[in-house]
PDB file of all heavy atoms in Angstrom:
ATOM      1  N   TYR A   1       8.668 -11.229   1.218  1.00  0.00           N
ATOM      2  CA  TYR A   1       7.776 -10.226   1.794  1.00  0.00           C
ATOM      3  C   TYR A   1       7.834  -8.904   1.018  1.00  0.00           C
ATOM      4  O   TYR A   1       6.823  -8.207   0.902  1.00  0.00           O
ATOM      5  CB  TYR A   1       8.051 -10.022   3.285  1.00  0.00           C
ATOM      6  CG  TYR A   1       7.385 -11.088   4.124  1.00  0.00           C
ATOM      7  CD1 TYR A   1       8.129 -11.990   4.873  1.00  0.00           C
ATOM      8  CD2 TYR A   1       5.996 -11.211   4.141  1.00  0.00           C
ATOM      9  CE1 TYR A   1       7.509 -12.971   5.628  1.00  0.00           C
ATOM     10  CE2 TYR A   1       5.372 -12.198   4.888  1.00  0.00           C
ATOM     11  CZ  TYR A   1       6.126 -13.071   5.627  1.00  0.00           C
ATOM     12  OH  TYR A   1       5.509 -14.054   6.367  1.00  0.00           O
ATOM     13  N   CYS A   2       8.996  -8.571   0.459  1.00  0.00           N
ATOM     14  CA  CYS A   2       9.076  -7.378  -0.402  1.00  0.00           C
ATOM     15  C   CYS A   2       8.107  -7.517  -1.574  1.00  0.00           C
ATOM     16  O   CYS A   2       7.374  -6.576  -1.908  1.00  0.00           O
ATOM     17  CB  CYS A   2      10.494  -7.181  -0.929  1.00  0.00           C
ATOM     18  SG  CYS A   2      11.676  -6.566   0.284  1.00  0.00           S
ATOM     19  N   GLN A   3       8.092  -8.683  -2.199  1.00  0.00           N
ATOM     20  CA  GLN A   3       7.187  -8.916  -3.325  1.00  0.00           C
ATOM     21  C   GLN A   3       5.724  -8.891  -2.884  1.00  0.00           C
ATOM     22  O   GLN A   3       4.861  -8.376  -3.597  1.00  0.00           O
ATOM     23  CB  GLN A   3       7.515 -10.245  -4.015  1.00  0.00           C
ATOM     24  CG  GLN A   3       8.854 -10.243  -4.718  1.00  0.00           C
ATOM     25  CD  GLN A   3       8.941  -9.134  -5.755  1.00  0.00           C
ATOM     26  OE1 GLN A   3       8.118  -9.048  -6.654  1.00  0.00           O
ATOM     27  NE2 GLN A   3       9.933  -8.270  -5.609  1.00  0.00           N
ATOM     28  N   CYS A   4       5.441  -9.430  -1.712  1.00  0.00           N
ATOM     29  CA  CYS A   4       4.073  -9.414  -1.191  1.00  0.00           C
ATOM     30  C   CYS A   4       3.598  -7.982  -0.937  1.00  0.00           C
ATOM     31  O   CYS A   4       2.446  -7.634  -1.231  1.00  0.00           O
ATOM     32  CB  CYS A   4       3.968 -10.227   0.095  1.00  0.00           C
ATOM     33  SG  CYS A   4       4.184 -12.004  -0.138  1.00  0.00           S
ATOM     34  N   ILE A   5       4.470  -7.153  -0.390  1.00  0.00           N
ATOM     35  CA  ILE A   5       4.116  -5.752  -0.144  1.00  0.00           C
ATOM     36  C   ILE A   5       3.860  -5.048  -1.467  1.00  0.00           C
ATOM     37  O   ILE A   5       2.840  -4.368  -1.644  1.00  0.00           O
ATOM     38  CB  ILE A   5       5.223  -5.044   0.674  1.00  0.00           C
ATOM     39  CG1 ILE A   5       5.262  -5.607   2.100  1.00  0.00           C
ATOM     40  CG2 ILE A   5       5.009  -3.528   0.681  1.00  0.00           C
ATOM     41  CD1 ILE A   5       6.480  -5.196   2.910  1.00  0.00           C
ATOM     42  N   GLU A   6       4.768  -5.206  -2.439  1.00  0.00           N
ATOM     43  CA  GLU A   6       4.615  -4.554  -3.742  1.00  0.00           C
ATOM     44  C   GLU A   6       3.349  -5.010  -4.467  1.00  0.00           C
ATOM     45  O   GLU A   6       2.756  -4.250  -5.225  1.00  0.00           O
ATOM     46  CB  GLU A   6       5.840  -4.804  -4.616  1.00  0.00           C
ATOM     47  CG  GLU A   6       7.049  -4.017  -4.173  1.00  0.00           C
ATOM     48  CD  GLU A   6       8.211  -4.111  -5.151  1.00  0.00           C
ATOM     49  OE1 GLU A   6       7.998  -4.475  -6.327  1.00  0.00           O
ATOM     50  OE2 GLU A   6       9.332  -3.792  -4.734  1.00  0.00           O
ATOM     51  N   ALA A   7       2.927  -6.234  -4.245  1.00  0.00           N
ATOM     52  CA  ALA A   7       1.724  -6.762  -4.903  1.00  0.00           C
ATOM     53  C   ALA A   7       0.460  -6.016  -4.467  1.00  0.00           C
ATOM     54  O   ALA A   7      -0.588  -6.160  -5.087  1.00  0.00           O
ATOM     55  CB  ALA A   7       1.583  -8.254  -4.610  1.00  0.00           C
ATOM     56  N   ASN A   8       0.565  -5.190  -3.446  1.00  0.00           N
ATOM     57  CA  ASN A   8      -0.581  -4.430  -2.951  1.00  0.00           C
ATOM     58  C   ASN A   8      -0.644  -3.005  -3.498  1.00  0.00           C
ATOM     59  O   ASN A   8      -1.475  -2.212  -3.050  1.00  0.00           O
ATOM     60  CB  ASN A   8      -0.556  -4.398  -1.419  1.00  0.00           C
ATOM     61  CG  ASN A   8      -1.028  -5.694  -0.831  1.00  0.00           C
ATOM     62  OD1 ASN A   8      -2.220  -5.930  -0.714  1.00  0.00           O
ATOM     63  ND2 ASN A   8      -0.076  -6.560  -0.486  1.00  0.00           N
ATOM     64  N   ARG A   9       0.187  -2.676  -4.474  1.00  0.00           N
ATOM     65  CA  ARG A   9       0.193  -1.323  -5.054  1.00  0.00           C
ATOM     66  C   ARG A   9      -1.180  -0.894  -5.547  1.00  0.00           C
ATOM     67  O   ARG A   9      -1.538   0.267  -5.471  1.00  0.00           O
ATOM     68  CB  ARG A   9       1.166  -1.251  -6.228  1.00  0.00           C
ATOM     69  CG  ARG A   9       2.586  -1.152  -5.839  1.00  0.00           C
ATOM     70  CD  ARG A   9       3.449  -1.024  -7.065  1.00  0.00           C
ATOM     71  NE  ARG A   9       4.814  -0.786  -6.651  1.00  0.00           N
ATOM     72  CZ  ARG A   9       5.855  -1.035  -7.400  1.00  0.00           C
ATOM     73  NH1 ARG A   9       5.702  -1.518  -8.621  1.00  0.00           N
ATOM     74  NH2 ARG A   9       7.069  -0.799  -6.951  1.00  0.00           N
ATOM     75  N   PHE A  10      -1.931  -1.831  -6.086  1.00  0.00           N
ATOM     76  CA  PHE A  10      -3.231  -1.498  -6.664  1.00  0.00           C
ATOM     77  C   PHE A  10      -4.192  -0.901  -5.639  1.00  0.00           C
ATOM     78  O   PHE A  10      -5.177  -0.260  -5.997  1.00  0.00           O
ATOM     79  CB  PHE A  10      -3.866  -2.744  -7.310  1.00  0.00           C
ATOM     80  CG  PHE A  10      -4.394  -3.742  -6.320  1.00  0.00           C
ATOM     81  CD1 PHE A  10      -5.731  -3.716  -5.938  1.00  0.00           C
ATOM     82  CD2 PHE A  10      -3.558  -4.704  -5.755  1.00  0.00           C
ATOM     83  CE1 PHE A  10      -6.224  -4.631  -5.016  1.00  0.00           C
ATOM     84  CE2 PHE A  10      -4.046  -5.622  -4.838  1.00  0.00           C
ATOM     85  CZ  PHE A  10      -5.385  -5.589  -4.466  1.00  0.00           C
ATOM     86  N   ARG A  11      -3.919  -1.088  -4.370  1.00  0.00           N
ATOM     87  CA  ARG A  11      -4.798  -0.581  -3.315  1.00  0.00           C
ATOM     88  C   ARG A  11      -4.636   0.920  -3.084  1.00  0.00           C
ATOM     89  O   ARG A  11      -5.413   1.530  -2.349  1.00  0.00           O
ATOM     90  CB  ARG A  11      -4.519  -1.305  -2.001  1.00  0.00           C
ATOM     91  CG  ARG A  11      -4.787  -2.785  -2.051  1.00  0.00           C
ATOM     92  CD  ARG A  11      -4.477  -3.435  -0.704  1.00  0.00           C
ATOM     93  NE  ARG A  11      -4.576  -4.858  -0.779  1.00  0.00           N
ATOM     94  CZ  ARG A  11      -5.717  -5.552  -0.723  1.00  0.00           C
ATOM     95  NH1 ARG A  11      -6.852  -4.920  -0.606  1.00  0.00           N
ATOM     96  NH2 ARG A  11      -5.707  -6.862  -0.804  1.00  0.00           N
ATOM     97  N   TYR A  12      -3.612   1.526  -3.661  1.00  0.00           N
ATOM     98  CA  TYR A  12      -3.283   2.921  -3.388  1.00  0.00           C
ATOM     99  C   TYR A  12      -3.317   3.734  -4.670  1.00  0.00           C
ATOM    100  O   TYR A  12      -3.140   3.213  -5.763  1.00  0.00           O
ATOM    101  CB  TYR A  12      -1.889   3.006  -2.748  1.00  0.00           C
ATOM    102  CG  TYR A  12      -1.821   2.226  -1.469  1.00  0.00           C
ATOM    103  CD1 TYR A  12      -1.430   0.892  -1.465  1.00  0.00           C
ATOM    104  CD2 TYR A  12      -2.178   2.804  -0.267  1.00  0.00           C
ATOM    105  CE1 TYR A  12      -1.396   0.160  -0.289  1.00  0.00           C
ATOM    106  CE2 TYR A  12      -2.146   2.080   0.915  1.00  0.00           C
ATOM    107  CZ  TYR A  12      -1.754   0.766   0.896  1.00  0.00           C
ATOM    108  OH  TYR A  12      -1.727   0.051   2.051  1.00  0.00           O
ATOM    109  N   SER A  13      -3.514   5.046  -4.511  1.00  0.00           N
ATOM    110  CA  SER A  13      -3.492   5.941  -5.663  1.00  0.00           C
ATOM    111  C   SER A  13      -3.027   7.319  -5.219  1.00  0.00           C
ATOM    112  O   SER A  13      -3.097   7.663  -4.040  1.00  0.00           O
ATOM    113  CB  SER A  13      -4.889   6.039  -6.300  1.00  0.00           C
ATOM    114  OG  SER A  13      -5.790   6.629  -5.386  1.00  0.00           O
ATOM    115  N   THR A  14      -2.573   8.102  -6.188  1.00  0.00           N
ATOM    116  CA  THR A  14      -2.159   9.463  -5.896  1.00  0.00           C
ATOM    117  C   THR A  14      -3.371  10.244  -5.403  1.00  0.00           C
ATOM    118  O   THR A  14      -4.444  10.172  -5.987  1.00  0.00           O
ATOM    119  CB  THR A  14      -1.585  10.122  -7.161  1.00  0.00           C
ATOM    120  OG1 THR A  14      -0.552   9.277  -7.672  1.00  0.00           O
ATOM    121  CG2 THR A  14      -1.027  11.486  -6.852  1.00  0.00           C
ATOM    122  N   PHE A  15      -3.219  10.969  -4.348  1.00  0.00           N
ATOM    123  CA  PHE A  15      -4.267  11.778  -3.723  1.00  0.00           C
ATOM    124  C   PHE A  15      -5.452  10.930  -3.255  1.00  0.00           C
ATOM    125  O   PHE A  15      -6.553  11.417  -3.099  1.00  0.00           O
ATOM    126  CB  PHE A  15      -4.755  12.884  -4.666  1.00  0.00           C
ATOM    127  CG  PHE A  15      -3.644  13.732  -5.201  1.00  0.00           C
ATOM    128  CD1 PHE A  15      -3.319  13.707  -6.535  1.00  0.00           C
ATOM    129  CD2 PHE A  15      -2.902  14.535  -4.343  1.00  0.00           C
ATOM    130  CE1 PHE A  15      -2.284  14.482  -7.024  1.00  0.00           C
ATOM    131  CE2 PHE A  15      -1.865  15.316  -4.827  1.00  0.00           C
ATOM    132  CZ  PHE A  15      -1.557  15.282  -6.167  1.00  0.00           C
ATOM    133  N   GLY A  16      -5.213   9.645  -3.050  1.00  0.00           N
ATOM    134  CA  GLY A  16      -6.266   8.751  -2.566  1.00  0.00           C
ATOM    135  C   GLY A  16      -5.816   8.114  -1.266  1.00  0.00           C
ATOM    136  O   GLY A  16      -5.311   8.783  -0.373  1.00  0.00           O
ATOM    137  N   ARG A  17      -5.944   6.815  -1.186  1.00  0.00           N
ATOM    138  CA  ARG A  17      -5.517   6.083   0.003  1.00  0.00           C
ATOM    139  C   ARG A  17      -3.999   6.166   0.098  1.00  0.00           C
ATOM    140  O   ARG A  17      -3.295   5.832  -0.855  1.00  0.00           O
ATOM    141  CB  ARG A  17      -5.968   4.634  -0.113  1.00  0.00           C
ATOM    142  CG  ARG A  17      -5.703   3.841   1.133  1.00  0.00           C
ATOM    143  CD  ARG A  17      -6.347   2.481   1.056  1.00  0.00           C
ATOM    144  NE  ARG A  17      -6.163   1.783   2.298  1.00  0.00           N
ATOM    145  CZ  ARG A  17      -5.966   0.493   2.375  1.00  0.00           C
ATOM    146  NH1 ARG A  17      -5.974  -0.247   1.291  1.00  0.00           N
ATOM    147  NH2 ARG A  17      -5.793  -0.087   3.539  1.00  0.00           N
ATOM    148  N   GLU A  18      -3.513   6.581   1.244  1.00  0.00           N
ATOM    149  CA  GLU A  18      -2.078   6.783   1.423  1.00  0.00           C
ATOM    150  C   GLU A  18      -1.446   5.617   2.165  1.00  0.00           C
ATOM    151  O   GLU A  18      -1.957   5.159   3.173  1.00  0.00           O
ATOM    152  CB  GLU A  18      -1.826   8.083   2.179  1.00  0.00           C
ATOM    153  CG  GLU A  18      -2.306   9.307   1.435  1.00  0.00           C
ATOM    154  CD  GLU A  18      -2.069  10.574   2.220  1.00  0.00           C
ATOM    155  OE1 GLU A  18      -1.463  10.516   3.308  1.00  0.00           O
ATOM    156  OE2 GLU A  18      -2.502  11.628   1.740  1.00  0.00           O
ATOM    157  N   ALA A  19      -0.304   5.163   1.665  1.00  0.00           N
ATOM    158  CA  ALA A  19       0.389   4.022   2.271  1.00  0.00           C
ATOM    159  C   ALA A  19       0.949   4.350   3.647  1.00  0.00           C
ATOM    160  O   ALA A  19       1.036   3.468   4.492  1.00  0.00           O
ATOM    161  CB  ALA A  19       1.504   3.550   1.340  1.00  0.00           C
ATOM    162  N   ASN A  20       1.312   5.605   3.884  1.00  0.00           N
ATOM    163  CA  ASN A  20       1.905   5.939   5.184  1.00  0.00           C
ATOM    164  C   ASN A  20       0.910   5.769   6.333  1.00  0.00           C
ATOM    165  O   ASN A  20       1.301   5.601   7.473  1.00  0.00           O
ATOM    166  CB  ASN A  20       2.494   7.346   5.187  1.00  0.00           C
ATOM    167  CG  ASN A  20       1.478   8.418   4.873  1.00  0.00           C
ATOM    168  OD1 ASN A  20       0.389   8.139   4.361  1.00  0.00           O
ATOM    169  ND2 ASN A  20       1.836   9.654   5.146  1.00  0.00           N
ATOM    170  N   ARG A  21      -0.382   5.768   6.053  1.00  0.00           N
ATOM    171  CA  ARG A  21      -1.390   5.598   7.095  1.00  0.00           C
ATOM    172  C   ARG A  21      -1.791   4.136   7.290  1.00  0.00           C
ATOM    173  O   ARG A  21      -2.283   3.765   8.346  1.00  0.00           O
ATOM    174  CB  ARG A  21      -2.633   6.399   6.766  1.00  0.00           C
ATOM    175  CG  ARG A  21      -2.400   7.882   6.833  1.00  0.00           C
ATOM    176  CD  ARG A  21      -3.674   8.615   6.637  1.00  0.00           C
ATOM    177  NE  ARG A  21      -3.412  10.040   6.687  1.00  0.00           N
ATOM    178  CZ  ARG A  21      -4.345  10.941   6.804  1.00  0.00           C
ATOM    179  NH1 ARG A  21      -5.604  10.578   6.873  1.00  0.00           N
ATOM    180  NH2 ARG A  21      -4.035  12.204   6.840  1.00  0.00           N
ATOM    181  N   THR A  22      -1.632   3.320   6.252  1.00  0.00           N
ATOM    182  CA  THR A  22      -2.201   1.974   6.319  1.00  0.00           C
ATOM    183  C   THR A  22      -1.198   0.836   6.134  1.00  0.00           C
ATOM    184  O   THR A  22      -1.585  -0.318   6.242  1.00  0.00           O
ATOM    185  CB  THR A  22      -3.302   1.818   5.248  1.00  0.00           C
ATOM    186  OG1 THR A  22      -2.734   2.061   3.965  1.00  0.00           O
ATOM    187  CG2 THR A  22      -4.442   2.792   5.498  1.00  0.00           C
ATOM    188  N   LEU A  23       0.062   1.145   5.873  1.00  0.00           N
ATOM    189  CA  LEU A  23       1.052   0.082   5.655  1.00  0.00           C
ATOM    190  C   LEU A  23       1.067  -0.900   6.822  1.00  0.00           C
ATOM    191  O   LEU A  23       1.087  -2.113   6.629  1.00  0.00           O
ATOM    192  CB  LEU A  23       2.450   0.655   5.440  1.00  0.00           C
ATOM    193  CG  LEU A  23       3.562  -0.383   5.286  1.00  0.00           C
ATOM    194  CD1 LEU A  23       3.377  -1.181   4.000  1.00  0.00           C
ATOM    195  CD2 LEU A  23       4.923   0.268   5.322  1.00  0.00           C
ATOM    196  N   ARG A  24       1.019  -0.411   8.023  1.00  0.00           N
ATOM    197  CA  ARG A  24       1.121  -1.295   9.199  1.00  0.00           C
ATOM    198  C   ARG A  24      -0.013  -2.305   9.274  1.00  0.00           C
ATOM    199  O   ARG A  24       0.134  -3.368   9.835  1.00  0.00           O
ATOM    200  CB  ARG A  24       1.231  -0.485  10.477  1.00  0.00           C
ATOM    201  CG  ARG A  24       0.048   0.349  10.847  1.00  0.00           C
ATOM    202  CD  ARG A  24       0.214   1.236  12.057  1.00  0.00           C
ATOM    203  NE  ARG A  24       1.158   1.217  13.125  1.00  0.00           N
ATOM    204  CZ  ARG A  24       2.467   0.921  13.242  1.00  0.00           C
ATOM    205  NH1 ARG A  24       3.128   0.522  12.329  1.00  0.00           N
ATOM    206  NH2 ARG A  24       3.163   1.013  14.300  1.00  0.00           N
ATOM    207  N   ASP A  25      -1.172  -1.983   8.678  1.00  0.00           N
ATOM    208  CA  ASP A  25      -2.320  -2.881   8.722  1.00  0.00           C
ATOM    209  C   ASP A  25      -2.482  -3.732   7.466  1.00  0.00           C
ATOM    210  O   ASP A  25      -3.413  -4.533   7.378  1.00  0.00           O
ATOM    211  CB  ASP A  25      -3.606  -2.074   8.944  1.00  0.00           C
ATOM    212  CG  ASP A  25      -3.603  -1.373  10.289  1.00  0.00           C
ATOM    213  OD1 ASP A  25      -3.126  -1.977  11.272  1.00  0.00           O
ATOM    214  OD2 ASP A  25      -4.059  -0.217  10.353  1.00  0.00           O
ATOM    215  N   LEU A  26      -1.594  -3.548   6.503  1.00  0.00           N
ATOM    216  CA  LEU A  26      -1.643  -4.324   5.259  1.00  0.00           C
ATOM    217  C   LEU A  26      -1.487  -5.811   5.592  1.00  0.00           C
ATOM    218  O   LEU A  26      -0.613  -6.185   6.376  1.00  0.00           O
ATOM    219  CB  LEU A  26      -0.514  -3.871   4.341  1.00  0.00           C
ATOM    220  CG  LEU A  26      -0.553  -4.335   2.907  1.00  0.00           C
ATOM    221  CD1 LEU A  26      -1.739  -3.714   2.176  1.00  0.00           C
ATOM    222  CD2 LEU A  26       0.736  -3.917   2.223  1.00  0.00           C
TER     223      LEU A  26
END
């Protein structure tokens, strides 16, 4: 699951979509 979470890095960017708001829905 750690690898699955990391595989979603492309969905986020600096000053863009923030992981703290959407991690729970990933």
